[in-house]
Amino acid sequence: MAGQTFDFKEAKSIYDFTVKDIKGKDVSLEKYKGHVCVIVNVASQCGLTKSNYEELNELYDKYGEDKCLRILAFPCNQFGGQEPGDNEQICEFVAKKNVKFDLFDKVNVNGGDTHPLWAYLKYKQPGTLGNFIKWNFTKFIVDKNGQPVERHSPTTHPKDLVKSLEKYW
């Protein structure tokens, strides 16, 4: 279902999407079937960067193997220009943070050129004050069937997602 004419509203799950990884390779999200996922928009120069990257790493280290948790991070430069680097620079940044979870191509999460996956996430889990992403580190929980089941604000600490994640393991 990937492609220019694909209407995100026709998707039955995240598995209908293909995205580009940070190296530019196509990745079918079908590879995450049977996994609980956290999908998050990230930035390297945000006030929330340090705590979010540390806690996302901790979540992945603790539950990646044991509970098959997957974290899908999408760099985005739409909030205060806080992810200005290209993919190579982003890779250098995350290497210093010892990131082990999956990183994808920089995307837009709002506006006319919103990435279709992010349009779908917002459609399935709209925000409380409007159907848009408000800042870096908005987190979506996706269940083992590829369904977006929860949305959490940028200020929600990743470690505070555990109670929610437990419902879907």
N, C-alpha and C. Protein backbone atom coordinates (compact mmCIF):
# COMPACT_ATOMS: atom_id res chain seq x y z
N MET A 1 0.81 -1.21 0.00
CA MET A 1 0.00 0.00 0.00
C MET A 1 0.85 1.27 0.00
N ALA A 2 2.14 1.10 -0.05
CA ALA A 2 3.00 2.29 -0.07
C ALA A 2 2.87 2.98 -1.42
N GLY A 3 3.13 4.26 -1.43
CA GLY A 3 3.09 4.99 -2.69
C GLY A 3 2.33 6.29 -2.57
N GLN A 4 2.42 7.07 -3.60
CA GLN A 4 1.84 8.41 -3.59
C GLN A 4 0.32 8.41 -3.48
N THR A 5 -0.36 7.40 -4.05
CA THR A 5 -1.82 7.42 -4.07
C THR A 5 -2.44 6.74 -2.85
N PHE A 6 -1.62 6.25 -1.95
CA PHE A 6 -2.11 5.54 -0.77
C PHE A 6 -2.78 6.51 0.19
N ASP A 7 -4.04 6.22 0.53
CA ASP A 7 -4.77 7.01 1.51
C ASP A 7 -4.59 6.35 2.87
N PHE A 8 -3.96 7.05 3.79
CA PHE A 8 -3.67 6.47 5.11
C PHE A 8 -4.92 5.97 5.80
N LYS A 9 -6.09 6.54 5.49
CA LYS A 9 -7.34 6.12 6.13
C LYS A 9 -7.76 4.71 5.70
N GLU A 10 -7.18 4.23 4.61
CA GLU A 10 -7.49 2.87 4.14
C GLU A 10 -6.65 1.81 4.85
N ALA A 11 -5.64 2.22 5.57
CA ALA A 11 -4.76 1.27 6.26
C ALA A 11 -5.54 0.53 7.34
N LYS A 12 -5.24 -0.75 7.47
CA LYS A 12 -5.86 -1.56 8.51
C LYS A 12 -4.97 -1.63 9.76
N SER A 13 -3.69 -1.34 9.59
CA SER A 13 -2.75 -1.35 10.71
C SER A 13 -1.47 -0.65 10.25
N ILE A 14 -0.51 -0.53 11.16
CA ILE A 14 0.78 0.06 10.76
C ILE A 14 1.48 -0.84 9.76
N TYR A 15 1.09 -2.12 9.70
CA TYR A 15 1.75 -3.07 8.81
C TYR A 15 1.52 -2.76 7.34
N ASP A 16 0.58 -1.88 7.05
CA ASP A 16 0.32 -1.48 5.67
C ASP A 16 1.30 -0.42 5.17
N PHE A 17 2.20 0.03 6.03
CA PHE A 17 3.12 1.11 5.67
C PHE A 17 4.53 0.61 5.43
N THR A 18 5.19 1.27 4.51
CA THR A 18 6.62 1.08 4.29
C THR A 18 7.27 2.43 4.55
N VAL A 19 8.34 2.42 5.33
CA VAL A 19 9.06 3.64 5.67
C VAL A 19 10.52 3.47 5.28
N LYS A 20 11.27 4.54 5.30
CA LYS A 20 12.70 4.48 5.04
C LYS A 20 13.45 4.52 6.37
N ASP A 21 14.44 3.64 6.50
CA ASP A 21 15.26 3.69 7.70
C ASP A 21 16.26 4.85 7.57
N ILE A 22 17.03 5.07 8.60
CA ILE A 22 17.96 6.20 8.64
C ILE A 22 19.02 6.10 7.54
N LYS A 23 19.22 4.92 6.98
CA LYS A 23 20.18 4.71 5.89
C LYS A 23 19.52 4.80 4.52
N GLY A 24 18.20 5.07 4.48
CA GLY A 24 17.50 5.24 3.22
C GLY A 24 16.91 3.98 2.62
N LYS A 25 16.95 2.88 3.37
CA LYS A 25 16.40 1.61 2.87
C LYS A 25 14.93 1.50 3.24
N ASP A 26 14.13 0.95 2.30
CA ASP A 26 12.72 0.71 2.58
C ASP A 26 12.56 -0.38 3.64
N VAL A 27 11.67 -0.13 4.59
CA VAL A 27 11.36 -1.10 5.64
C VAL A 27 9.85 -1.25 5.71
N SER A 28 9.36 -2.45 5.44
CA SER A 28 7.94 -2.73 5.64
C SER A 28 7.70 -2.88 7.13
N LEU A 29 6.70 -2.19 7.63
CA LEU A 29 6.42 -2.29 9.06
C LEU A 29 5.82 -3.64 9.44
N GLU A 30 5.60 -4.50 8.44
CA GLU A 30 5.18 -5.88 8.73
C GLU A 30 6.23 -6.60 9.58
N LYS A 31 7.47 -6.13 9.52
CA LYS A 31 8.53 -6.77 10.30
C LYS A 31 8.27 -6.67 11.80
N TYR A 32 7.34 -5.79 12.20
CA TYR A 32 7.03 -5.60 13.62
C TYR A 32 5.79 -6.38 14.06
N LYS A 33 5.25 -7.23 13.17
CA LYS A 33 4.08 -8.04 13.54
C LYS A 33 4.38 -8.84 14.80
N GLY A 34 3.42 -8.83 15.72
CA GLY A 34 3.58 -9.58 16.96
C GLY A 34 4.36 -8.85 18.04
N HIS A 35 4.81 -7.64 17.75
CA HIS A 35 5.56 -6.84 18.72
C HIS A 35 4.70 -5.67 19.20
N VAL A 36 4.85 -5.32 20.45
CA VAL A 36 4.32 -4.05 20.94
C VAL A 36 5.37 -3.01 20.57
N CYS A 37 4.92 -1.89 20.01
CA CYS A 37 5.84 -0.85 19.55
C CYS A 37 5.54 0.49 20.21
N VAL A 38 6.59 1.26 20.38
CA VAL A 38 6.47 2.68 20.73
C VAL A 38 7.01 3.43 19.51
N ILE A 39 6.18 4.28 18.93
CA ILE A 39 6.60 5.11 17.80
C ILE A 39 6.69 6.54 18.31
N VAL A 40 7.83 7.17 18.07
CA VAL A 40 8.11 8.47 18.68
C VAL A 40 8.83 9.38 17.68
N ASN A 41 8.48 10.66 17.68
CA ASN A 41 9.24 11.64 16.90
C ASN A 41 10.34 12.21 17.81
N VAL A 42 11.57 12.20 17.30
CA VAL A 42 12.73 12.57 18.12
C VAL A 42 13.46 13.78 17.55
N ALA A 43 14.24 14.41 18.40
CA ALA A 43 15.08 15.54 18.01
C ALA A 43 16.32 15.54 18.90
N SER A 44 17.44 15.95 18.33
CA SER A 44 18.71 15.89 19.06
C SER A 44 19.01 17.14 19.88
N GLN A 45 18.30 18.24 19.65
CA GLN A 45 18.63 19.49 20.33
C GLN A 45 17.47 20.06 21.13
N CYS A 46 16.64 19.19 21.66
CA CYS A 46 15.46 19.60 22.42
C CYS A 46 15.77 19.48 23.91
N GLY A 47 15.09 20.26 24.71
CA GLY A 47 15.24 20.15 26.15
C GLY A 47 14.83 18.78 26.68
N LEU A 48 14.01 18.06 25.92
CA LEU A 48 13.55 16.73 26.32
C LEU A 48 14.44 15.61 25.80
N THR A 49 15.47 15.96 25.01
CA THR A 49 16.28 14.94 24.33
C THR A 49 16.99 14.02 25.30
N LYS A 50 17.73 14.57 26.25
CA LYS A 50 18.57 13.75 27.13
C LYS A 50 17.74 12.70 27.86
N SER A 51 16.69 13.14 28.55
CA SER A 51 15.89 12.19 29.34
C SER A 51 15.16 11.19 28.45
N ASN A 52 14.64 11.63 27.32
CA ASN A 52 13.90 10.71 26.46
C ASN A 52 14.81 9.66 25.84
N TYR A 53 15.95 10.06 25.32
CA TYR A 53 16.85 9.07 24.74
C TYR A 53 17.33 8.09 25.81
N GLU A 54 17.68 8.59 26.99
CA GLU A 54 18.14 7.70 28.07
C GLU A 54 17.05 6.70 28.44
N GLU A 55 15.82 7.20 28.61
CA GLU A 55 14.75 6.32 29.07
C GLU A 55 14.25 5.39 27.95
N LEU A 56 14.28 5.85 26.71
CA LEU A 56 13.92 4.95 25.60
C LEU A 56 14.95 3.82 25.50
N ASN A 57 16.22 4.15 25.68
CA ASN A 57 17.27 3.13 25.71
C ASN A 57 17.02 2.13 26.84
N GLU A 58 16.69 2.65 28.03
CA GLU A 58 16.42 1.77 29.17
C GLU A 58 15.23 0.86 28.91
N LEU A 59 14.17 1.41 28.34
CA LEU A 59 13.00 0.59 28.00
C LEU A 59 13.38 -0.52 27.04
N TYR A 60 14.13 -0.14 26.01
CA TYR A 60 14.52 -1.13 25.02
C TYR A 60 15.43 -2.19 25.63
N ASP A 61 16.41 -1.77 26.44
CA ASP A 61 17.31 -2.72 27.09
C ASP A 61 16.55 -3.69 27.99
N LYS A 62 15.57 -3.17 28.71
CA LYS A 62 14.85 -3.99 29.68
C LYS A 62 13.78 -4.88 29.04
N TYR A 63 13.09 -4.38 28.02
CA TYR A 63 11.93 -5.09 27.48
C TYR A 63 12.05 -5.52 26.02
N GLY A 64 13.12 -5.10 25.35
CA GLY A 64 13.27 -5.45 23.94
C GLY A 64 13.33 -6.94 23.70
N GLU A 65 14.15 -7.61 24.47
CA GLU A 65 14.30 -9.06 24.32
C GLU A 65 13.20 -9.80 25.07
N ASP A 66 13.01 -9.46 26.33
CA ASP A 66 12.10 -10.16 27.21
C ASP A 66 10.64 -10.06 26.77
N LYS A 67 10.21 -8.87 26.37
CA LYS A 67 8.80 -8.62 26.02
C LYS A 67 8.61 -8.31 24.54
N CYS A 68 9.69 -8.39 23.77
CA CYS A 68 9.64 -8.10 22.32
C CYS A 68 9.17 -6.68 22.02
N LEU A 69 9.53 -5.74 22.90
CA LEU A 69 9.21 -4.32 22.67
C LEU A 69 10.09 -3.79 21.55
N ARG A 70 9.50 -3.03 20.67
CA ARG A 70 10.25 -2.36 19.61
C ARG A 70 9.98 -0.86 19.72
N ILE A 71 11.04 -0.08 19.53
CA ILE A 71 10.92 1.38 19.54
C ILE A 71 11.32 1.87 18.17
N LEU A 72 10.43 2.65 17.56
CA LEU A 72 10.64 3.19 16.23
C LEU A 72 10.74 4.70 16.36
N ALA A 73 11.92 5.24 16.14
CA ALA A 73 12.18 6.66 16.33
C ALA A 73 12.30 7.36 14.98
N PHE A 74 11.55 8.43 14.82
CA PHE A 74 11.53 9.20 13.58
C PHE A 74 12.01 10.63 13.86
N PRO A 75 13.21 10.98 13.44
CA PRO A 75 13.67 12.35 13.61
C PRO A 75 12.73 13.33 12.89
N CYS A 76 12.57 14.49 13.47
CA CYS A 76 11.68 15.51 12.91
C CYS A 76 12.24 16.89 13.27
N ASN A 77 12.24 17.79 12.31
CA ASN A 77 12.79 19.13 12.52
C ASN A 77 11.70 20.20 12.53
N GLN A 78 10.47 19.83 12.79
CA GLN A 78 9.35 20.78 12.71
C GLN A 78 9.12 21.59 13.98
N PHE A 79 9.85 21.29 15.05
CA PHE A 79 9.60 21.97 16.32
C PHE A 79 10.85 22.72 16.75
N GLY A 80 10.87 24.00 16.49
CA GLY A 80 11.99 24.84 16.89
C GLY A 80 13.29 24.52 16.16
N GLY A 81 13.22 23.83 15.03
CA GLY A 81 14.43 23.49 14.28
C GLY A 81 15.41 22.67 15.11
N GLN A 82 14.89 21.78 15.95
CA GLN A 82 15.72 21.08 16.92
C GLN A 82 16.30 19.75 16.42
N GLU A 83 16.07 19.45 15.13
CA GLU A 83 16.73 18.30 14.50
C GLU A 83 17.24 18.76 13.13
N PRO A 84 18.24 19.67 13.13
CA PRO A 84 18.68 20.29 11.87
C PRO A 84 19.59 19.41 11.02
N GLY A 85 20.18 18.39 11.61
CA GLY A 85 21.18 17.59 10.90
C GLY A 85 20.60 16.70 9.82
N ASP A 86 21.49 16.25 8.94
CA ASP A 86 21.08 15.25 7.95
C ASP A 86 21.16 13.87 8.61
N ASN A 87 20.79 12.83 7.86
CA ASN A 87 20.74 11.50 8.45
C ASN A 87 22.10 11.04 8.97
N GLU A 88 23.16 11.40 8.29
CA GLU A 88 24.50 11.01 8.75
C GLU A 88 24.82 11.65 10.11
N GLN A 89 24.49 12.94 10.24
CA GLN A 89 24.73 13.62 11.51
C GLN A 89 23.86 13.04 12.63
N ILE A 90 22.63 12.68 12.28
CA ILE A 90 21.73 12.06 13.26
C ILE A 90 22.30 10.73 13.71
N CYS A 91 22.84 9.95 12.78
CA CYS A 91 23.47 8.66 13.12
C CYS A 91 24.64 8.86 14.07
N GLU A 92 25.45 9.88 13.83
CA GLU A 92 26.57 10.18 14.72
C GLU A 92 26.07 10.52 16.12
N PHE A 93 25.01 11.31 16.19
CA PHE A 93 24.44 11.71 17.48
C PHE A 93 23.93 10.49 18.25
N VAL A 94 23.15 9.63 17.59
CA VAL A 94 22.57 8.48 18.30
C VAL A 94 23.64 7.45 18.66
N ALA A 95 24.71 7.38 17.88
CA ALA A 95 25.81 6.47 18.22
C ALA A 95 26.43 6.88 19.56
N LYS A 96 26.55 8.19 19.79
CA LYS A 96 27.09 8.69 21.06
C LYS A 96 26.15 8.39 22.22
N LYS A 97 24.87 8.24 21.91
CA LYS A 97 23.86 7.93 22.93
C LYS A 97 23.68 6.42 23.10
N ASN A 98 24.46 5.63 22.36
CA ASN A 98 24.36 4.17 22.41
C ASN A 98 22.96 3.64 22.11
N VAL A 99 22.29 4.29 21.16
CA VAL A 99 20.93 3.89 20.78
C VAL A 99 20.96 2.54 20.07
N LYS A 100 20.12 1.62 20.53
CA LYS A 100 20.01 0.30 19.93
C LYS A 100 18.67 0.12 19.22
N PHE A 101 17.70 0.97 19.52
CA PHE A 101 16.39 0.82 18.89
C PHE A 101 16.42 1.37 17.46
N ASP A 102 15.35 1.14 16.73
CA ASP A 102 15.31 1.43 15.29
C ASP A 102 15.09 2.91 15.01
N LEU A 103 15.92 3.43 14.13
CA LEU A 103 15.87 4.84 13.74
C LEU A 103 15.52 4.93 12.26
N PHE A 104 14.69 5.90 11.93
CA PHE A 104 14.20 6.04 10.58
C PHE A 104 14.55 7.39 9.99
N ASP A 105 14.24 7.55 8.73
CA ASP A 105 14.47 8.77 7.98
C ASP A 105 13.73 9.94 8.63
N LYS A 106 14.30 11.12 8.53
CA LYS A 106 13.66 12.32 9.05
C LYS A 106 12.33 12.53 8.32
N VAL A 107 11.28 12.83 9.08
CA VAL A 107 9.95 13.00 8.52
C VAL A 107 9.30 14.28 9.03
N ASN A 108 8.21 14.66 8.37
CA ASN A 108 7.32 15.69 8.89
C ASN A 108 6.13 14.99 9.51
N VAL A 109 5.73 15.46 10.68
CA VAL A 109 4.61 14.84 11.39
C VAL A 109 3.36 15.72 11.37
N ASN A 110 3.49 16.92 10.84
CA ASN A 110 2.37 17.87 10.71
C ASN A 110 2.44 18.52 9.34
N GLY A 111 1.32 19.13 8.94
CA GLY A 111 1.29 19.91 7.70
C GLY A 111 0.97 19.08 6.47
N GLY A 112 1.05 19.74 5.33
CA GLY A 112 0.66 19.13 4.06
C GLY A 112 1.53 17.98 3.62
N ASP A 113 2.77 17.93 4.08
CA ASP A 113 3.65 16.83 3.70
C ASP A 113 3.92 15.88 4.87
N THR A 114 2.91 15.73 5.72
CA THR A 114 3.00 14.77 6.82
C THR A 114 3.24 13.39 6.26
N HIS A 115 4.17 12.66 6.86
CA HIS A 115 4.42 11.28 6.45
C HIS A 115 3.12 10.47 6.65
N PRO A 116 2.74 9.62 5.70
CA PRO A 116 1.48 8.86 5.81
C PRO A 116 1.35 8.05 7.11
N LEU A 117 2.44 7.47 7.60
CA LEU A 117 2.36 6.73 8.87
C LEU A 117 1.92 7.66 9.99
N TRP A 118 2.49 8.85 10.03
CA TRP A 118 2.14 9.79 11.09
C TRP A 118 0.73 10.34 10.92
N ALA A 119 0.27 10.48 9.69
CA ALA A 119 -1.12 10.87 9.46
C ALA A 119 -2.05 9.78 10.01
N TYR A 120 -1.68 8.53 9.79
CA TYR A 120 -2.46 7.39 10.29
C TYR A 120 -2.47 7.36 11.82
N LEU A 121 -1.31 7.53 12.44
CA LEU A 121 -1.24 7.53 13.90
C LEU A 121 -2.14 8.60 14.50
N LYS A 122 -2.09 9.79 13.93
CA LYS A 122 -2.91 10.90 14.43
C LYS A 122 -4.40 10.65 14.19
N TYR A 123 -4.72 10.01 13.08
CA TYR A 123 -6.10 9.67 12.74
C TYR A 123 -6.66 8.66 13.75
N LYS A 124 -5.84 7.67 14.10
CA LYS A 124 -6.29 6.61 15.01
C LYS A 124 -6.25 7.04 16.48
N GLN A 125 -5.34 7.94 16.82
CA GLN A 125 -5.20 8.42 18.21
C GLN A 125 -5.07 9.95 18.18
N PRO A 126 -6.19 10.65 17.97
CA PRO A 126 -6.11 12.11 17.88
C PRO A 126 -5.70 12.74 19.21
N GLY A 127 -5.16 13.93 19.12
CA GLY A 127 -4.75 14.66 20.32
C GLY A 127 -5.93 15.28 21.02
N THR A 128 -5.72 15.74 22.24
CA THR A 128 -6.82 16.31 23.02
C THR A 128 -7.16 17.73 22.59
N LEU A 129 -6.18 18.48 22.14
CA LEU A 129 -6.44 19.87 21.75
C LEU A 129 -6.38 20.08 20.24
N GLY A 130 -6.41 19.02 19.49
CA GLY A 130 -6.32 19.11 18.03
C GLY A 130 -5.57 17.91 17.49
N ASN A 131 -5.84 17.62 16.23
CA ASN A 131 -5.26 16.43 15.62
C ASN A 131 -3.90 16.74 15.00
N PHE A 132 -2.97 17.15 15.83
CA PHE A 132 -1.62 17.44 15.36
C PHE A 132 -0.63 17.06 16.46
N ILE A 133 0.61 16.89 16.05
CA ILE A 133 1.67 16.61 17.01
C ILE A 133 2.11 17.96 17.57
N LYS A 134 2.18 18.05 18.90
CA LYS A 134 2.43 19.34 19.53
C LYS A 134 3.92 19.64 19.73
N TRP A 135 4.76 18.59 19.81
CA TRP A 135 6.19 18.84 20.07
C TRP A 135 6.96 17.55 19.85
N ASN A 136 8.28 17.65 19.97
CA ASN A 136 9.15 16.48 19.90
C ASN A 136 8.77 15.47 20.99
N PHE A 137 9.02 14.22 20.72
CA PHE A 137 8.86 13.12 21.68
C PHE A 137 7.40 12.81 22.03
N THR A 138 6.49 13.02 21.08
CA THR A 138 5.14 12.48 21.22
C THR A 138 5.25 10.98 20.98
N LYS A 139 4.60 10.19 21.84
CA LYS A 139 4.78 8.74 21.81
C LYS A 139 3.45 8.04 21.54
N PHE A 140 3.46 7.10 20.59
CA PHE A 140 2.30 6.27 20.31
C PHE A 140 2.64 4.84 20.69
N ILE A 141 1.73 4.19 21.40
CA ILE A 141 1.87 2.76 21.67
C ILE A 141 1.03 2.02 20.64
N VAL A 142 1.65 1.01 20.02
CA VAL A 142 0.98 0.19 19.01
C VAL A 142 0.98 -1.24 19.53
N ASP A 143 -0.19 -1.89 19.51
CA ASP A 143 -0.29 -3.24 20.05
C ASP A 143 0.27 -4.29 19.08
N LYS A 144 0.23 -5.56 19.49
CA LYS A 144 0.81 -6.65 18.70
C LYS A 144 0.11 -6.87 17.37
N ASN A 145 -1.08 -6.28 17.20
CA ASN A 145 -1.82 -6.38 15.95
C ASN A 145 -1.61 -5.18 15.04
N GLY A 146 -0.69 -4.29 15.44
CA GLY A 146 -0.39 -3.13 14.62
C GLY A 146 -1.36 -1.98 14.78
N GLN A 147 -2.15 -2.00 15.85
CA GLN A 147 -3.15 -0.97 16.09
C GLN A 147 -2.62 0.09 17.06
N PRO A 148 -2.65 1.37 16.67
CA PRO A 148 -2.30 2.43 17.62
C PRO A 148 -3.35 2.46 18.73
N VAL A 149 -2.94 2.23 19.96
CA VAL A 149 -3.89 2.09 21.07
C VAL A 149 -3.78 3.20 22.11
N GLU A 150 -2.65 3.89 22.14
CA GLU A 150 -2.49 5.00 23.10
C GLU A 150 -1.57 6.05 22.50
N ARG A 151 -1.80 7.27 22.94
CA ARG A 151 -0.95 8.41 22.57
C ARG A 151 -0.52 9.10 23.85
N HIS A 152 0.76 9.43 23.94
CA HIS A 152 1.30 10.08 25.14
C HIS A 152 2.04 11.35 24.76
N SER A 153 1.94 12.32 25.62
CA SER A 153 2.49 13.65 25.35
C SER A 153 4.01 13.65 25.39
N PRO A 154 4.61 14.71 24.83
CA PRO A 154 6.07 14.84 24.88
C PRO A 154 6.63 14.84 26.30
N THR A 155 5.86 15.32 27.26
CA THR A 155 6.36 15.40 28.63
C THR A 155 6.17 14.10 29.41
N THR A 156 5.51 13.11 28.82
CA THR A 156 5.41 11.80 29.45
C THR A 156 6.77 11.12 29.34
N HIS A 157 7.33 10.76 30.47
CA HIS A 157 8.63 10.08 30.47
C HIS A 157 8.46 8.67 29.92
N PRO A 158 9.38 8.22 29.07
CA PRO A 158 9.28 6.85 28.56
C PRO A 158 9.16 5.80 29.66
N LYS A 159 9.84 6.00 30.79
CA LYS A 159 9.74 5.01 31.88
C LYS A 159 8.31 4.93 32.42
N ASP A 160 7.53 6.01 32.26
CA ASP A 160 6.15 6.02 32.73
C ASP A 160 5.20 5.31 31.77
N LEU A 161 5.71 4.81 30.64
CA LEU A 161 4.90 4.05 29.70
C LEU A 161 4.75 2.59 30.11
N VAL A 162 5.56 2.13 31.04
CA VAL A 162 5.59 0.70 31.38
C VAL A 162 4.21 0.19 31.78
N LYS A 163 3.51 0.92 32.64
CA LYS A 163 2.18 0.48 33.09
C LYS A 163 1.24 0.32 31.89
N SER A 164 1.31 1.22 30.94
CA SER A 164 0.50 1.10 29.73
C SER A 164 0.96 -0.07 28.88
N LEU A 165 2.26 -0.19 28.68
CA LEU A 165 2.79 -1.27 27.84
C LEU A 165 2.41 -2.63 28.37
N GLU A 166 2.37 -2.79 29.69
CA GLU A 166 2.04 -4.08 30.30
C GLU A 166 0.67 -4.58 29.86
N LYS A 167 -0.25 -3.68 29.55
CA LYS A 167 -1.59 -4.08 29.10
C LYS A 167 -1.56 -4.80 27.76
N TYR A 168 -0.51 -4.57 26.99
CA TYR A 168 -0.47 -5.09 25.61
C TYR A 168 0.51 -6.24 25.42
N TRP A 169 1.33 -6.54 26.45
CA TRP A 169 2.26 -7.67 26.34
C TRP A 169 1.47 -8.91 26.57
